[in-house]
Protein backbone atom coordinates (compact mmCIF):
# COMPACT_ATOMS: atom_id res chain seq x y z
CA UNK A 1 -3.13 43.00 -15.18
CA UNK A 2 -4.44 46.52 -14.53
CA UNK A 3 -2.34 49.40 -15.82
CA UNK A 4 -1.83 52.68 -13.98
CA UNK A 5 -0.46 55.86 -15.56
CA UNK A 6 1.55 57.80 -12.99
CA UNK A 7 2.17 61.49 -13.80
CA UNK A 8 4.53 63.66 -11.75
CA UNK A 9 7.42 66.03 -12.47
CA UNK A 10 9.49 64.46 -9.65
CA UNK A 11 11.61 61.53 -10.87
CA UNK A 12 12.13 60.41 -7.26
CA UNK A 13 8.41 60.28 -6.57
CA UNK A 14 7.75 58.45 -9.84
CA UNK A 15 10.34 55.80 -8.95
CA UNK A 16 9.05 55.22 -5.42
CA UNK A 17 5.37 55.13 -6.44
CA UNK A 18 6.16 52.87 -9.40
CA UNK A 19 7.94 50.42 -7.08
CA UNK A 20 4.96 50.37 -4.67
CA UNK A 21 2.44 49.83 -7.47
CA UNK A 22 4.47 47.15 -9.26
CA UNK A 23 5.01 45.28 -5.99
CA UNK A 24 1.21 45.29 -5.60
CA UNK A 25 0.84 43.69 -9.04
CA UNK A 26 0.01 46.64 -11.27
CA UNK A 27 1.61 47.49 -14.61
CA UNK A 28 2.86 51.08 -14.44
CA UNK A 29 3.48 53.69 -17.12
CA UNK A 30 5.06 56.99 -16.11
CA UNK A 31 5.04 60.50 -17.53
CA UNK A 32 6.83 63.61 -16.25
CA UNK A 33 4.19 66.11 -17.40
CA UNK A 34 0.78 66.66 -18.93
CA UNK A 35 1.79 66.56 -22.60
CA UNK A 36 3.74 63.33 -22.15
CA UNK A 37 0.82 61.87 -20.20
CA UNK A 38 -1.65 62.59 -23.01
CA UNK A 39 0.65 60.76 -25.46
CA UNK A 40 0.92 57.79 -23.07
CA UNK A 41 -2.86 57.72 -22.62
CA UNK A 42 -3.38 57.47 -26.37
CA UNK A 43 -0.79 54.70 -26.73
CA UNK A 44 -1.52 52.57 -23.67
CA UNK A 45 -5.14 52.98 -22.50
CA UNK A 46 -4.47 52.60 -18.74
CA UNK A 47 -7.19 51.55 -16.29
CA UNK A 48 -6.45 54.46 -13.94
CA UNK A 49 -4.37 57.63 -13.83
CA UNK A 50 -2.67 59.20 -10.81
CA UNK A 51 -1.50 62.76 -11.45
CA UNK A 52 0.27 65.50 -9.56
CA UNK A 53 -1.48 68.86 -9.38
CA UNK A 54 1.45 71.27 -9.72
CA UNK A 55 3.61 70.50 -12.74
CA UNK A 56 5.41 72.82 -15.20
CA UNK A 57 3.58 73.30 -18.48
CA UNK A 58 0.24 71.55 -18.05
CA UNK A 59 -1.04 71.19 -14.49
CA UNK A 60 -2.95 68.15 -13.25
CA UNK A 61 -6.39 69.74 -13.50
CA UNK A 62 -5.83 70.72 -17.14
CA UNK A 63 -4.50 67.21 -17.82
CA UNK A 64 -7.67 65.67 -16.39
CA UNK A 65 -9.87 67.99 -18.46
CA UNK A 66 -7.94 67.12 -21.64
CA UNK A 67 -8.05 63.37 -20.92
CA UNK A 68 -11.80 63.42 -20.13
CA UNK A 69 -12.53 65.10 -23.50
CA UNK A 70 -11.59 61.79 -25.14
CA UNK A 71 -14.45 59.26 -25.13
CA UNK A 72 -12.10 56.38 -24.24
CA UNK A 73 -11.16 58.09 -20.96
CA UNK A 74 -14.45 59.69 -19.95
CA UNK A 75 -15.03 57.05 -17.24
CA UNK A 76 -11.42 56.25 -16.35
CA UNK A 77 -10.80 56.83 -12.62
CA UNK A 78 -8.28 59.60 -11.91
CA UNK A 79 -6.57 60.31 -8.60
CA UNK A 80 -5.05 63.71 -7.88
CA UNK A 81 -1.92 63.38 -5.77
CA UNK A 82 -0.53 66.60 -4.31
CA UNK A 83 0.82 68.41 -1.27
CA UNK A 84 -2.14 70.81 -1.54
CA UNK A 85 -5.13 70.25 0.72
CA UNK A 86 -7.30 73.30 -0.03
CA UNK A 87 -10.99 72.48 -0.48
CA UNK A 88 -11.18 74.91 -3.41
CA UNK A 89 -8.52 72.92 -5.34
CA UNK A 90 -10.27 69.64 -4.48
CA UNK A 91 -13.54 71.01 -5.84
CA UNK A 92 -11.80 72.21 -9.00
CA UNK A 93 -10.21 68.77 -9.50
CA UNK A 94 -13.53 66.99 -8.91
CA UNK A 95 -15.27 69.30 -11.40
CA UNK A 96 -12.56 68.44 -13.95
CA UNK A 97 -13.24 64.72 -13.45
CA UNK A 98 -10.96 63.58 -10.61
CA UNK A 99 -12.29 60.55 -8.73
CA UNK A 100 -10.24 61.08 -5.58
CA UNK A 101 -7.54 63.10 -3.83
CA UNK A 102 -4.35 61.85 -2.17
CA UNK A 103 -2.13 64.12 -0.08
CA UNK A 104 1.64 63.61 -0.41
CA UNK A 105 3.45 61.84 1.04
CA UNK A 106 1.03 59.01 0.27
CA UNK A 107 1.26 55.99 2.55
CA UNK A 108 1.36 52.69 0.59
CA UNK A 109 -1.47 51.20 2.69
CA UNK A 110 -3.68 54.23 2.00
CA UNK A 111 -2.94 54.01 -1.72
CA UNK A 112 -3.78 50.28 -1.84
CA UNK A 113 -7.12 50.87 -0.04
CA UNK A 114 -8.12 53.47 -2.63
CA UNK A 115 -6.96 51.32 -5.57
CA UNK A 116 -8.94 48.30 -4.31
CA UNK A 117 -12.09 50.41 -4.48
CA UNK A 118 -11.35 51.92 -7.91
CA UNK A 119 -9.88 48.85 -9.63
CA UNK A 120 -11.75 45.85 -8.20
């Protein structure tokens, strides 16, 4: 079973996304911020990470940069999930190592299409 680390400061969003992903057959770990996510990464070695951009403390782009510094996560796919749609932010996320960009609210069908490509 593939494991996905879901990072967002919204408990409601974490619960709804976790339910969608588990229903689709994925194991899901959650973290409410960047520091917690880095600890979960070290402990669980997920196959993919989905992170929010705007979070208190460490934002999603910084989280991606920190995760990609570790050899074990250099090639792990990372999706940025946010309400932002500015090209500048997308470019910044891609430069940090993001594989893709999802705009909230994410439709379950759209999410599954992306996951099929990234976790065959």
